[in-house]
PDB file of all heavy atoms in Angstrom:
ATOM      1  N   SER A   1      -0.833  10.725  19.390  1.00  0.00           N
ATOM      2  CA  SER A   1      -0.353  10.528  20.628  1.00  0.00           C
ATOM      3  C   SER A   1      -0.789   9.034  21.216  1.00  0.00           C
ATOM      4  O   SER A   1      -0.116   8.399  22.179  1.00  0.00           O
ATOM      5  CB  SER A   1      -0.859  11.547  21.754  1.00  0.00           C
ATOM      6  OG  SER A   1      -2.252  11.306  21.858  1.00  0.00           O
ATOM      7  N   GLN A   2      -1.610   8.442  20.511  1.00  0.00           N
ATOM      8  CA  GLN A   2      -2.083   7.039  20.884  1.00  0.00           C
ATOM      9  C   GLN A   2      -1.756   6.094  19.873  1.00  0.00           C
ATOM     10  O   GLN A   2      -1.478   4.926  20.401  1.00  0.00           O
ATOM     11  CB  GLN A   2      -3.679   7.133  21.127  1.00  0.00           C
ATOM     12  CG  GLN A   2      -4.187   7.995  22.183  1.00  0.00           C
ATOM     13  CD  GLN A   2      -5.645   7.727  22.548  1.00  0.00           C
ATOM     14  OE1 GLN A   2      -6.143   6.693  22.612  1.00  0.00           O
ATOM     15  NE2 GLN A   2      -6.407   8.944  22.260  1.00  0.00           N
ATOM     16  N   ILE A   3      -1.576   6.351  18.676  1.00  0.00           N
ATOM     17  CA  ILE A   3      -1.280   5.448  17.584  1.00  0.00           C
ATOM     18  C   ILE A   3      -0.614   6.102  16.386  1.00  0.00           C
ATOM     19  O   ILE A   3      -0.942   7.305  16.097  1.00  0.00           O
ATOM     20  CB  ILE A   3      -2.513   4.636  17.075  1.00  0.00           C
ATOM     21  CG1 ILE A   3      -2.276   3.475  16.165  1.00  0.00           C
ATOM     22  CG2 ILE A   3      -3.548   5.627  16.488  1.00  0.00           C
ATOM     23  CD1 ILE A   3      -3.342   2.639  15.934  1.00  0.00           C
ATOM     24  N   SER A   4       0.430   5.384  15.949  1.00  0.00           N
ATOM     25  CA  SER A   4       1.120   6.051  14.834  1.00  0.00           C
ATOM     26  C   SER A   4       0.742   5.416  13.516  1.00  0.00           C
ATOM     27  O   SER A   4       0.054   4.358  13.423  1.00  0.00           O
ATOM     28  CB  SER A   4       2.694   5.801  14.955  1.00  0.00           C
ATOM     29  OG  SER A   4       2.923   4.355  14.680  1.00  0.00           O
ATOM     30  N   ILE A   5       1.090   6.160  12.312  1.00  0.00           N
ATOM     31  CA  ILE A   5       0.741   5.573  11.008  1.00  0.00           C
ATOM     32  C   ILE A   5       1.386   4.329  10.802  1.00  0.00           C
ATOM     33  O   ILE A   5       0.784   3.493  10.068  1.00  0.00           O
ATOM     34  CB  ILE A   5       1.114   6.689  10.038  1.00  0.00           C
ATOM     35  CG1 ILE A   5       0.399   6.290   8.622  1.00  0.00           C
ATOM     36  CG2 ILE A   5       2.558   6.858   9.760  1.00  0.00           C
ATOM     37  CD1 ILE A   5      -1.027   6.215   8.698  1.00  0.00           C
ATOM     38  N   ASP A   6       2.562   4.026  11.331  1.00  0.00           N
ATOM     39  CA  ASP A   6       3.265   2.718  11.126  1.00  0.00           C
ATOM     40  C   ASP A   6       2.477   1.664  11.893  1.00  0.00           C
ATOM     41  O   ASP A   6       2.301   0.560  11.298  1.00  0.00           O
ATOM     42  CB  ASP A   6       4.681   2.767  11.752  1.00  0.00           C
ATOM     43  CG  ASP A   6       5.588   3.624  10.751  1.00  0.00           C
ATOM     44  OD1 ASP A   6       5.303   3.756   9.637  1.00  0.00           O
ATOM     45  OD2 ASP A   6       6.503   4.193  11.309  1.00  0.00           O
ATOM     46  N   ASP A   7       1.924   1.985  13.078  1.00  0.00           N
ATOM     47  CA  ASP A   7       1.077   1.084  13.724  1.00  0.00           C
ATOM     48  C   ASP A   7      -0.149   0.777  12.931  1.00  0.00           C
ATOM     49  O   ASP A   7      -0.666  -0.424  12.886  1.00  0.00           O
ATOM     50  CB  ASP A   7       0.621   1.533  15.057  1.00  0.00           C
ATOM     51  CG  ASP A   7       1.798   1.736  16.065  1.00  0.00           C
ATOM     52  OD1 ASP A   7       2.691   0.964  15.964  1.00  0.00           O
ATOM     53  OD2 ASP A   7       1.684   2.621  17.006  1.00  0.00           O
ATOM     54  N   ILE A   8      -0.760   1.606  12.325  1.00  0.00           N
ATOM     55  CA  ILE A   8      -2.011   1.447  11.509  1.00  0.00           C
ATOM     56  C   ILE A   8      -1.584   0.572  10.272  1.00  0.00           C
ATOM     57  O   ILE A   8      -2.366  -0.425  10.024  1.00  0.00           O
ATOM     58  CB  ILE A   8      -2.463   2.848  10.915  1.00  0.00           C
ATOM     59  CG1 ILE A   8      -3.042   3.709  12.217  1.00  0.00           C
ATOM     60  CG2 ILE A   8      -3.582   2.723   9.933  1.00  0.00           C
ATOM     61  CD1 ILE A   8      -3.437   5.007  11.818  1.00  0.00           C
ATOM     62  N   PHE A   9      -0.414   0.874   9.680  1.00  0.00           N
ATOM     63  CA  PHE A   9       0.030  -0.001   8.532  1.00  0.00           C
ATOM     64  C   PHE A   9       0.199  -1.563   9.006  1.00  0.00           C
ATOM     65  O   PHE A   9      -0.258  -2.522   8.324  1.00  0.00           O
ATOM     66  CB  PHE A   9       1.215   0.449   7.974  1.00  0.00           C
ATOM     67  CG  PHE A   9       1.185   1.734   7.160  1.00  0.00           C
ATOM     68  CD1 PHE A   9       2.358   2.372   6.667  1.00  0.00           C
ATOM     69  CD2 PHE A   9      -0.077   2.363   6.875  1.00  0.00           C
ATOM     70  CE1 PHE A   9       2.230   3.503   5.935  1.00  0.00           C
ATOM     71  CE2 PHE A   9      -0.253   3.378   6.195  1.00  0.00           C
ATOM     72  CZ  PHE A   9       1.068   3.997   5.628  1.00  0.00           C
ATOM     73  N   GLU A  10       0.725  -1.652  10.184  1.00  0.00           N
ATOM     74  CA  GLU A  10       0.997  -2.980  10.790  1.00  0.00           C
ATOM     75  C   GLU A  10      -0.419  -3.560  10.913  1.00  0.00           C
ATOM     76  O   GLU A  10      -0.560  -4.865  10.749  1.00  0.00           O
ATOM     77  CB  GLU A  10       1.733  -2.777  12.110  1.00  0.00           C
ATOM     78  CG  GLU A  10       2.200  -4.109  12.810  1.00  0.00           C
ATOM     79  CD  GLU A  10       3.010  -3.965  13.988  1.00  0.00           C
ATOM     80  OE1 GLU A  10       3.662  -2.913  14.093  1.00  0.00           O
ATOM     81  OE2 GLU A  10       2.969  -4.798  14.795  1.00  0.00           O
ATOM     82  N   ARG A  11      -1.433  -3.062  11.549  1.00  0.00           N
ATOM     83  CA  ARG A  11      -2.740  -3.624  11.666  1.00  0.00           C
ATOM     84  C   ARG A  11      -3.287  -4.045  10.410  1.00  0.00           C
ATOM     85  O   ARG A  11      -3.921  -5.123  10.407  1.00  0.00           O
ATOM     86  CB  ARG A  11      -3.754  -2.584  12.510  1.00  0.00           C
ATOM     87  CG  ARG A  11      -3.265  -2.014  13.686  1.00  0.00           C
ATOM     88  CD  ARG A  11      -3.090  -2.998  14.905  1.00  0.00           C
ATOM     89  NE  ARG A  11      -2.886  -2.433  16.088  1.00  0.00           N
ATOM     90  CZ  ARG A  11      -1.788  -1.880  16.579  1.00  0.00           C
ATOM     91  NH1 ARG A  11      -0.693  -2.000  15.870  1.00  0.00           N
ATOM     92  NH2 ARG A  11      -1.664  -1.215  17.723  1.00  0.00           N
ATOM     93  N   VAL A  12      -3.204  -3.207   9.417  1.00  0.00           N
ATOM     94  CA  VAL A  12      -3.709  -3.601   8.055  1.00  0.00           C
ATOM     95  C   VAL A  12      -2.912  -4.835   7.614  1.00  0.00           C
ATOM     96  O   VAL A  12      -3.686  -5.739   6.943  1.00  0.00           O
ATOM     97  CB  VAL A  12      -3.662  -2.372   7.077  1.00  0.00           C
ATOM     98  CG1 VAL A  12      -4.042  -2.859   5.737  1.00  0.00           C
ATOM     99  CG2 VAL A  12      -4.354  -1.298   7.594  1.00  0.00           C
ATOM    100  N   GLU A  13      -1.609  -4.905   7.679  1.00  0.00           N
ATOM    101  CA  GLU A  13      -0.970  -5.962   7.197  1.00  0.00           C
ATOM    102  C   GLU A  13      -1.130  -7.395   7.962  1.00  0.00           C
ATOM    103  O   GLU A  13      -1.164  -8.426   7.471  1.00  0.00           O
ATOM    104  CB  GLU A  13       0.490  -5.574   7.134  1.00  0.00           C
ATOM    105  CG  GLU A  13       0.922  -4.666   6.134  1.00  0.00           C
ATOM    106  CD  GLU A  13       2.300  -4.084   6.291  1.00  0.00           C
ATOM    107  OE1 GLU A  13       3.049  -4.426   7.212  1.00  0.00           O
ATOM    108  OE2 GLU A  13       2.541  -3.135   5.556  1.00  0.00           O
ATOM    109  N   LYS A  14      -1.482  -7.200   9.283  1.00  0.00           N
ATOM    110  CA  LYS A  14      -1.817  -8.336  10.076  1.00  0.00           C
ATOM    111  C   LYS A  14      -3.063  -9.045   9.530  1.00  0.00           C
ATOM    112  O   LYS A  14      -3.278 -10.389   9.781  1.00  0.00           O
ATOM    113  CB  LYS A  14      -2.030  -7.914  11.539  1.00  0.00           C
ATOM    114  CG  LYS A  14      -0.691  -7.971  12.187  1.00  0.00           C
ATOM    115  CD  LYS A  14      -1.031  -7.716  13.829  1.00  0.00           C
ATOM    116  CE  LYS A  14       0.232  -7.748  14.648  1.00  0.00           C
ATOM    117  NZ  LYS A  14       0.024  -7.353  16.070  1.00  0.00           N
ATOM    118  N   ILE A  15      -4.029  -8.390   8.963  1.00  0.00           N
ATOM    119  CA  ILE A  15      -5.257  -9.006   8.472  1.00  0.00           C
ATOM    120  C   ILE A  15      -5.048  -9.330   6.924  1.00  0.00           C
ATOM    121  O   ILE A  15      -6.127  -9.688   6.331  1.00  0.00           O
ATOM    122  CB  ILE A  15      -6.389  -8.181   8.733  1.00  0.00           C
ATOM    123  CG1 ILE A  15      -6.357  -6.747   8.047  1.00  0.00           C
ATOM    124  CG2 ILE A  15      -6.650  -8.146  10.223  1.00  0.00           C
ATOM    125  CD1 ILE A  15      -7.538  -6.052   8.172  1.00  0.00           C
ATOM    126  N   GLY A  16      -3.890  -9.412   6.416  1.00  0.00           N
ATOM    127  CA  GLY A  16      -3.624  -9.843   5.125  1.00  0.00           C
ATOM    128  C   GLY A  16      -3.579  -8.864   3.879  1.00  0.00           C
ATOM    129  O   GLY A  16      -3.587  -9.304   2.760  1.00  0.00           O
ATOM    130  N   PHE A  17      -3.526  -7.638   4.281  1.00  0.00           N
ATOM    131  CA  PHE A  17      -3.263  -6.639   3.183  1.00  0.00           C
ATOM    132  C   PHE A  17      -2.038  -5.793   3.289  1.00  0.00           C
ATOM    133  O   PHE A  17      -1.359  -5.927   4.237  1.00  0.00           O
ATOM    134  CB  PHE A  17      -4.545  -5.665   3.236  1.00  0.00           C
ATOM    135  CG  PHE A  17      -5.874  -6.395   3.191  1.00  0.00           C
ATOM    136  CD1 PHE A  17      -6.588  -6.636   4.344  1.00  0.00           C
ATOM    137  CD2 PHE A  17      -6.426  -6.785   1.935  1.00  0.00           C
ATOM    138  CE1 PHE A  17      -7.681  -7.276   4.296  1.00  0.00           C
ATOM    139  CE2 PHE A  17      -7.625  -7.505   1.977  1.00  0.00           C
ATOM    140  CZ  PHE A  17      -8.286  -7.758   3.046  1.00  0.00           C
ATOM    141  N   GLN A  18      -1.598  -5.193   2.185  1.00  0.00           N
ATOM    142  CA  GLN A  18      -0.441  -4.438   2.186  1.00  0.00           C
ATOM    143  C   GLN A  18      -0.803  -2.908   2.299  1.00  0.00           C
ATOM    144  O   GLN A  18      -1.504  -2.418   1.400  1.00  0.00           O
ATOM    145  CB  GLN A  18       0.442  -4.728   0.964  1.00  0.00           C
ATOM    146  CG  GLN A  18       0.978  -6.068   0.885  1.00  0.00           C
ATOM    147  CD  GLN A  18      -0.029  -7.106   0.354  1.00  0.00           C
ATOM    148  OE1 GLN A  18      -0.699  -6.789  -0.702  1.00  0.00           O
ATOM    149  NE2 GLN A  18      -0.238  -8.161   1.127  1.00  0.00           N
ATOM    150  N   ALA A  19      -0.258  -2.153   3.216  1.00  0.00           N
ATOM    151  CA  ALA A  19      -0.467  -0.740   3.431  1.00  0.00           C
ATOM    152  C   ALA A  19       0.902   0.024   3.245  1.00  0.00           C
ATOM    153  O   ALA A  19       1.850  -0.501   3.768  1.00  0.00           O
ATOM    154  CB  ALA A  19      -1.088  -0.482   4.749  1.00  0.00           C
ATOM    155  N   HIS A  20       0.797   1.029   2.465  1.00  0.00           N
ATOM    156  CA  HIS A  20       1.966   1.738   2.266  1.00  0.00           C
ATOM    157  C   HIS A  20       1.652   3.266   1.885  1.00  0.00           C
ATOM    158  O   HIS A  20       0.563   3.470   1.471  1.00  0.00           O
ATOM    159  CB  HIS A  20       2.957   1.164   1.203  1.00  0.00           C
ATOM    160  CG  HIS A  20       2.163   0.562   0.004  1.00  0.00           C
ATOM    161  ND1 HIS A  20       1.866   1.550  -1.148  1.00  0.00           N
ATOM    162  CD2 HIS A  20       1.566  -0.489  -0.293  1.00  0.00           C
ATOM    163  CE1 HIS A  20       1.170   0.825  -1.898  1.00  0.00           C
ATOM    164  NE2 HIS A  20       1.026  -0.389  -1.553  1.00  0.00           N
ATOM    165  N   PRO A  21       2.614   4.161   1.992  1.00  0.00           N
ATOM    166  CA  PRO A  21       2.365   5.547   1.735  1.00  0.00           C
ATOM    167  C   PRO A  21       1.788   5.854   0.298  1.00  0.00           C
ATOM    168  O   PRO A  21       2.032   4.923  -0.612  1.00  0.00           O
ATOM    169  CB  PRO A  21       3.642   6.252   1.895  1.00  0.00           C
ATOM    170  CG  PRO A  21       4.351   5.353   2.831  1.00  0.00           C
ATOM    171  CD  PRO A  21       3.913   4.042   2.394  1.00  0.00           C
ATOM    172  N   VAL A  22       1.032   6.947   0.094  1.00  0.00           N
ATOM    173  CA  VAL A  22       0.516   7.194  -1.165  1.00  0.00           C
ATOM    174  C   VAL A  22       1.605   7.438  -2.261  1.00  0.00           C
ATOM    175  O   VAL A  22       2.601   7.980  -1.932  1.00  0.00           O
ATOM    176  CB  VAL A  22      -0.322   8.489  -1.204  1.00  0.00           C
ATOM    177  CG1 VAL A  22      -0.816   8.941  -2.586  1.00  0.00           C
ATOM    178  CG2 VAL A  22      -1.504   8.346  -0.311  1.00  0.00           C
ATOM    179  N   GLU A  23       1.453   6.854  -3.452  1.00  0.00           N
ATOM    180  CA  GLU A  23       2.344   6.845  -4.522  1.00  0.00           C
ATOM    181  C   GLU A  23       2.162   8.160  -5.386  1.00  0.00           C
ATOM    182  O   GLU A  23       1.105   8.779  -5.178  1.00  0.00           O
ATOM    183  CB  GLU A  23       2.311   5.572  -5.397  1.00  0.00           C
ATOM    184  CG  GLU A  23       2.247   4.365  -4.645  1.00  0.00           C
ATOM    185  CD  GLU A  23       1.582   3.226  -5.489  1.00  0.00           C
ATOM    186  OE1 GLU A  23       0.444   3.571  -6.009  1.00  0.00           O
ATOM    187  OE2 GLU A  23       2.117   2.026  -5.576  1.00  0.00           O
ATOM    188  N   THR A  24       3.232   8.379  -5.986  1.00  0.00           N
ATOM    189  CA  THR A  24       3.108   9.403  -7.116  1.00  0.00           C
ATOM    190  C   THR A  24       2.071   8.978  -8.283  1.00  0.00           C
ATOM    191  O   THR A  24       1.989   7.700  -8.326  1.00  0.00           O
ATOM    192  CB  THR A  24       4.344   9.808  -7.705  1.00  0.00           C
ATOM    193  OG1 THR A  24       4.974   8.784  -8.458  1.00  0.00           O
ATOM    194  CG2 THR A  24       5.473  10.423  -6.582  1.00  0.00           C
ATOM    195  N   GLN A  25       1.641   9.738  -9.073  1.00  0.00           N
ATOM    196  CA  GLN A  25       0.802   9.363 -10.062  1.00  0.00           C
ATOM    197  C   GLN A  25       1.536   8.369 -11.029  1.00  0.00           C
ATOM    198  O   GLN A  25       1.066   7.444 -11.510  1.00  0.00           O
ATOM    199  CB  GLN A  25       0.288  10.557 -10.989  1.00  0.00           C
ATOM    200  CG  GLN A  25      -0.746  11.422 -10.231  1.00  0.00           C
ATOM    201  CD  GLN A  25      -2.129  10.571 -10.031  1.00  0.00           C
ATOM    202  OE1 GLN A  25      -2.329   9.760 -10.778  1.00  0.00           O
ATOM    203  NE2 GLN A  25      -2.748  10.998  -8.916  1.00  0.00           N
ATOM    204  N   GLN A  26       2.879   8.722 -11.293  1.00  0.00           N
ATOM    205  CA  GLN A  26       3.584   7.838 -12.225  1.00  0.00           C
ATOM    206  C   GLN A  26       3.841   6.479 -11.574  1.00  0.00           C
ATOM    207  O   GLN A  26       3.698   5.457 -12.238  1.00  0.00           O
ATOM    208  CB  GLN A  26       5.011   8.419 -12.342  1.00  0.00           C
ATOM    209  CG  GLN A  26       5.903   7.671 -13.313  1.00  0.00           C
ATOM    210  CD  GLN A  26       5.312   7.564 -14.835  1.00  0.00           C
ATOM    211  OE1 GLN A  26       4.657   8.374 -15.203  1.00  0.00           O
ATOM    212  NE2 GLN A  26       5.816   6.525 -15.352  1.00  0.00           N
ATOM    213  N   GLN A  27       4.069   6.479 -10.274  1.00  0.00           N
ATOM    214  CA  GLN A  27       4.293   5.078  -9.583  1.00  0.00           C
ATOM    215  C   GLN A  27       2.998   4.313  -9.552  1.00  0.00           C
ATOM    216  O   GLN A  27       2.971   3.108  -9.818  1.00  0.00           O
ATOM    217  CB  GLN A  27       4.755   5.382  -8.170  1.00  0.00           C
ATOM    218  CG  GLN A  27       6.120   5.901  -7.973  1.00  0.00           C
ATOM    219  CD  GLN A  27       6.358   6.283  -6.485  1.00  0.00           C
ATOM    220  OE1 GLN A  27       5.548   6.756  -5.719  1.00  0.00           O
ATOM    221  NE2 GLN A  27       7.649   6.058  -6.193  1.00  0.00           N
ATOM    222  N   THR A  28       1.846   5.002  -9.454  1.00  0.00           N
ATOM    223  CA  THR A  28       0.541   4.389  -9.465  1.00  0.00           C
ATOM    224  C   THR A  28       0.353   3.687 -10.866  1.00  0.00           C
ATOM    225  O   THR A  28      -0.139   2.605 -10.966  1.00  0.00           O
ATOM    226  CB  THR A  28      -0.622   5.255  -9.220  1.00  0.00           C
ATOM    227  OG1 THR A  28      -0.405   5.813  -7.798  1.00  0.00           O
ATOM    228  CG2 THR A  28      -1.909   4.611  -9.081  1.00  0.00           C
ATOM    229  N   ARG A  29       0.600   4.549 -11.836  1.00  0.00           N
ATOM    230  CA  ARG A  29       0.365   3.914 -13.172  1.00  0.00           C
ATOM    231  C   ARG A  29       1.275   2.746 -13.573  1.00  0.00           C
ATOM    232  O   ARG A  29       0.804   1.765 -13.956  1.00  0.00           O
ATOM    233  CB  ARG A  29       0.556   5.080 -14.188  1.00  0.00           C
ATOM    234  CG  ARG A  29      -0.495   6.112 -14.567  1.00  0.00           C
ATOM    235  CD  ARG A  29      -0.334   6.768 -15.758  1.00  0.00           C
ATOM    236  NE  ARG A  29       0.927   7.661 -15.639  1.00  0.00           N
ATOM    237  CZ  ARG A  29       0.925   8.908 -15.052  1.00  0.00           C
ATOM    238  NH1 ARG A  29      -0.244   9.366 -14.791  1.00  0.00           N
ATOM    239  NH2 ARG A  29       1.984   9.651 -15.093  1.00  0.00           N
ATOM    240  N   GLU A  30       2.624   2.898 -13.115  1.00  0.00           N
ATOM    241  CA  GLU A  30       3.428   1.775 -13.432  1.00  0.00           C
ATOM    242  C   GLU A  30       2.978   0.545 -12.568  1.00  0.00           C
ATOM    243  O   GLU A  30       3.140  -0.664 -13.000  1.00  0.00           O
ATOM    244  CB  GLU A  30       4.906   2.228 -12.901  1.00  0.00           C
ATOM    245  CG  GLU A  30       5.502   3.130 -13.919  1.00  0.00           C
ATOM    246  CD  GLU A  30       6.747   3.642 -13.444  1.00  0.00           C
ATOM    247  OE1 GLU A  30       7.210   3.221 -12.245  1.00  0.00           O
ATOM    248  OE2 GLU A  30       7.447   4.417 -14.135  1.00  0.00           O
ATOM    249  N   ARG A  31       2.584   0.690 -11.246  1.00  0.00           N
ATOM    250  CA  ARG A  31       2.085  -0.443 -10.451  1.00  0.00           C
ATOM    251  C   ARG A  31       0.867  -1.100 -11.052  1.00  0.00           C
ATOM    252  O   ARG A  31       0.825  -2.375 -11.285  1.00  0.00           O
ATOM    253  CB  ARG A  31       1.856   0.084  -9.037  1.00  0.00           C
ATOM    254  CG  ARG A  31       1.346  -1.105  -8.087  1.00  0.00           C
ATOM    255  CD  ARG A  31       1.033  -0.690  -6.713  1.00  0.00           C
ATOM    256  NE  ARG A  31       0.167   0.495  -6.660  1.00  0.00           N
ATOM    257  CZ  ARG A  31      -1.132   0.331  -6.795  1.00  0.00           C
ATOM    258  NH1 ARG A  31      -1.735  -0.774  -6.858  1.00  0.00           N
ATOM    259  NH2 ARG A  31      -1.998   1.353  -6.691  1.00  0.00           N
ATOM    260  N   LYS A  32      -0.078  -0.244 -11.472  1.00  0.00           N
ATOM    261  CA  LYS A  32      -1.298  -0.817 -12.142  1.00  0.00           C
ATOM    262  C   LYS A  32      -0.960  -1.473 -13.326  1.00  0.00           C
ATOM    263  O   LYS A  32      -1.665  -2.523 -13.751  1.00  0.00           O
ATOM    264  CB  LYS A  32      -2.381   0.359 -12.265  1.00  0.00           C
ATOM    265  CG  LYS A  32      -2.964   0.762 -11.051  1.00  0.00           C
ATOM    266  CD  LYS A  32      -4.024   1.737 -11.271  1.00  0.00           C
ATOM    267  CE  LYS A  32      -4.745   2.152 -10.043  1.00  0.00           C
ATOM    268  NZ  LYS A  32      -5.987   3.286 -10.336  1.00  0.00           N
ATOM    269  N   GLN A  33      -0.025  -1.055 -14.069  1.00  0.00           N
ATOM    270  CA  GLN A  33       0.256  -1.735 -15.314  1.00  0.00           C
ATOM    271  C   GLN A  33       0.928  -3.125 -15.038  1.00  0.00           C
ATOM    272  O   GLN A  33       0.639  -4.137 -15.677  1.00  0.00           O
ATOM    273  CB  GLN A  33       1.215  -0.844 -16.129  1.00  0.00           C
ATOM    274  CG  GLN A  33       0.655   0.266 -16.834  1.00  0.00           C
ATOM    275  CD  GLN A  33       1.557   1.213 -17.497  1.00  0.00           C
ATOM    276  OE1 GLN A  33       2.805   1.129 -17.340  1.00  0.00           O
ATOM    277  NE2 GLN A  33       1.051   2.347 -18.132  1.00  0.00           N
ATOM    278  N   ARG A  34       1.802  -3.149 -13.972  1.00  0.00           N
ATOM    279  CA  ARG A  34       2.410  -4.442 -13.621  1.00  0.00           C
ATOM    280  C   ARG A  34       1.309  -5.472 -13.119  1.00  0.00           C
ATOM    281  O   ARG A  34       1.374  -6.578 -13.514  1.00  0.00           O
ATOM    282  CB  ARG A  34       3.453  -4.231 -12.391  1.00  0.00           C
ATOM    283  CG  ARG A  34       4.793  -3.543 -12.926  1.00  0.00           C
ATOM    284  CD  ARG A  34       5.798  -3.671 -11.882  1.00  0.00           C
ATOM    285  NE  ARG A  34       5.409  -3.152 -10.591  1.00  0.00           N
ATOM    286  CZ  ARG A  34       5.582  -1.886 -10.186  1.00  0.00           C
ATOM    287  NH1 ARG A  34       6.184  -1.102 -10.951  1.00  0.00           N
ATOM    288  NH2 ARG A  34       5.171  -1.458  -8.971  1.00  0.00           N
ATOM    289  N   GLU A  35       0.396  -4.906 -12.280  1.00  0.00           N
ATOM    290  CA  GLU A  35      -0.546  -5.815 -11.836  1.00  0.00           C
ATOM    291  C   GLU A  35      -1.503  -6.284 -12.939  1.00  0.00           C
ATOM    292  O   GLU A  35      -1.965  -7.542 -12.868  1.00  0.00           O
ATOM    293  CB  GLU A  35      -1.444  -5.065 -10.715  1.00  0.00           C
ATOM    294  CG  GLU A  35      -0.685  -4.830  -9.404  1.00  0.00           C
ATOM    295  CD  GLU A  35      -1.516  -3.938  -8.493  1.00  0.00           C
ATOM    296  OE1 GLU A  35      -2.669  -3.506  -8.911  1.00  0.00           O
ATOM    297  OE2 GLU A  35      -1.048  -3.798  -7.328  1.00  0.00           O
ATOM    298  N   LEU A  36      -1.866  -5.414 -13.949  1.00  0.00           N
ATOM    299  CA  LEU A  36      -2.725  -5.865 -14.948  1.00  0.00           C
ATOM    300  C   LEU A  36      -2.078  -6.972 -15.908  1.00  0.00           C
ATOM    301  O   LEU A  36      -2.670  -7.881 -16.251  1.00  0.00           O
ATOM    302  CB  LEU A  36      -3.081  -4.642 -15.744  1.00  0.00           C
ATOM    303  CG  LEU A  36      -4.115  -4.855 -16.877  1.00  0.00           C
ATOM    304  CD1 LEU A  36      -5.495  -5.318 -16.308  1.00  0.00           C
ATOM    305  CD2 LEU A  36      -4.288  -3.594 -17.665  1.00  0.00           C
ATOM    306  N   LYS A  37      -0.663  -6.694 -16.020  1.00  0.00           N
ATOM    307  CA  LYS A  37       0.116  -7.596 -16.914  1.00  0.00           C
ATOM    308  C   LYS A  37       0.121  -9.036 -16.198  1.00  0.00           C
ATOM    309  O   LYS A  37       0.001 -10.136 -16.768  1.00  0.00           O
ATOM    310  CB  LYS A  37       1.509  -7.112 -17.217  1.00  0.00           C
ATOM    311  CG  LYS A  37       2.296  -7.779 -18.162  1.00  0.00           C
ATOM    312  CD  LYS A  37       3.538  -7.218 -18.395  1.00  0.00           C
ATOM    313  CE  LYS A  37       3.482  -5.886 -19.156  1.00  0.00           C
ATOM    314  NZ  LYS A  37       4.701  -5.220 -19.505  1.00  0.00           N
ATOM    315  N   LEU A  38       0.299  -8.937 -14.802  1.00  0.00           N
ATOM    316  CA  LEU A  38       0.463 -10.235 -14.093  1.00  0.00           C
ATOM    317  C   LEU A  38      -0.927 -10.895 -14.064  1.00  0.00           C
ATOM    318  O   LEU A  38      -0.965 -12.254 -14.303  1.00  0.00           O
ATOM    319  CB  LEU A  38       0.823  -9.944 -12.671  1.00  0.00           C
ATOM    320  CG  LEU A  38       0.890 -11.121 -11.611  1.00  0.00           C
ATOM    321  CD1 LEU A  38       1.862 -12.130 -12.058  1.00  0.00           C
ATOM    322  CD2 LEU A  38       1.126 -10.618 -10.164  1.00  0.00           C
ATOM    323  N   GLN A  39      -2.030 -10.174 -13.994  1.00  0.00           N
ATOM    324  CA  GLN A  39      -3.289 -10.857 -13.952  1.00  0.00           C
ATOM    325  C   GLN A  39      -3.657 -11.525 -15.335  1.00  0.00           C
ATOM    326  O   GLN A  39      -4.151 -12.629 -15.534  1.00  0.00           O
ATOM    327  CB  GLN A  39      -4.283  -9.687 -13.757  1.00  0.00           C
ATOM    328  CG  GLN A  39      -5.781 -10.301 -13.229  1.00  0.00           C
ATOM    329  CD  GLN A  39      -5.645 -11.070 -11.944  1.00  0.00           C
ATOM    330  OE1 GLN A  39      -5.101 -10.473 -10.963  1.00  0.00           O
ATOM    331  NE2 GLN A  39      -6.291 -12.302 -11.792  1.00  0.00           N
TER     332      GLN A  39
END
């Protein structure tokens, strides 16, 4: 009633991070593989 999850995501993004809903296990694996490859 005082703050929404979208507002929370916005606050996190304002300080320089990316916030988004929890991924599936498959999405997490694929994202981590992409990030590892980029690094």
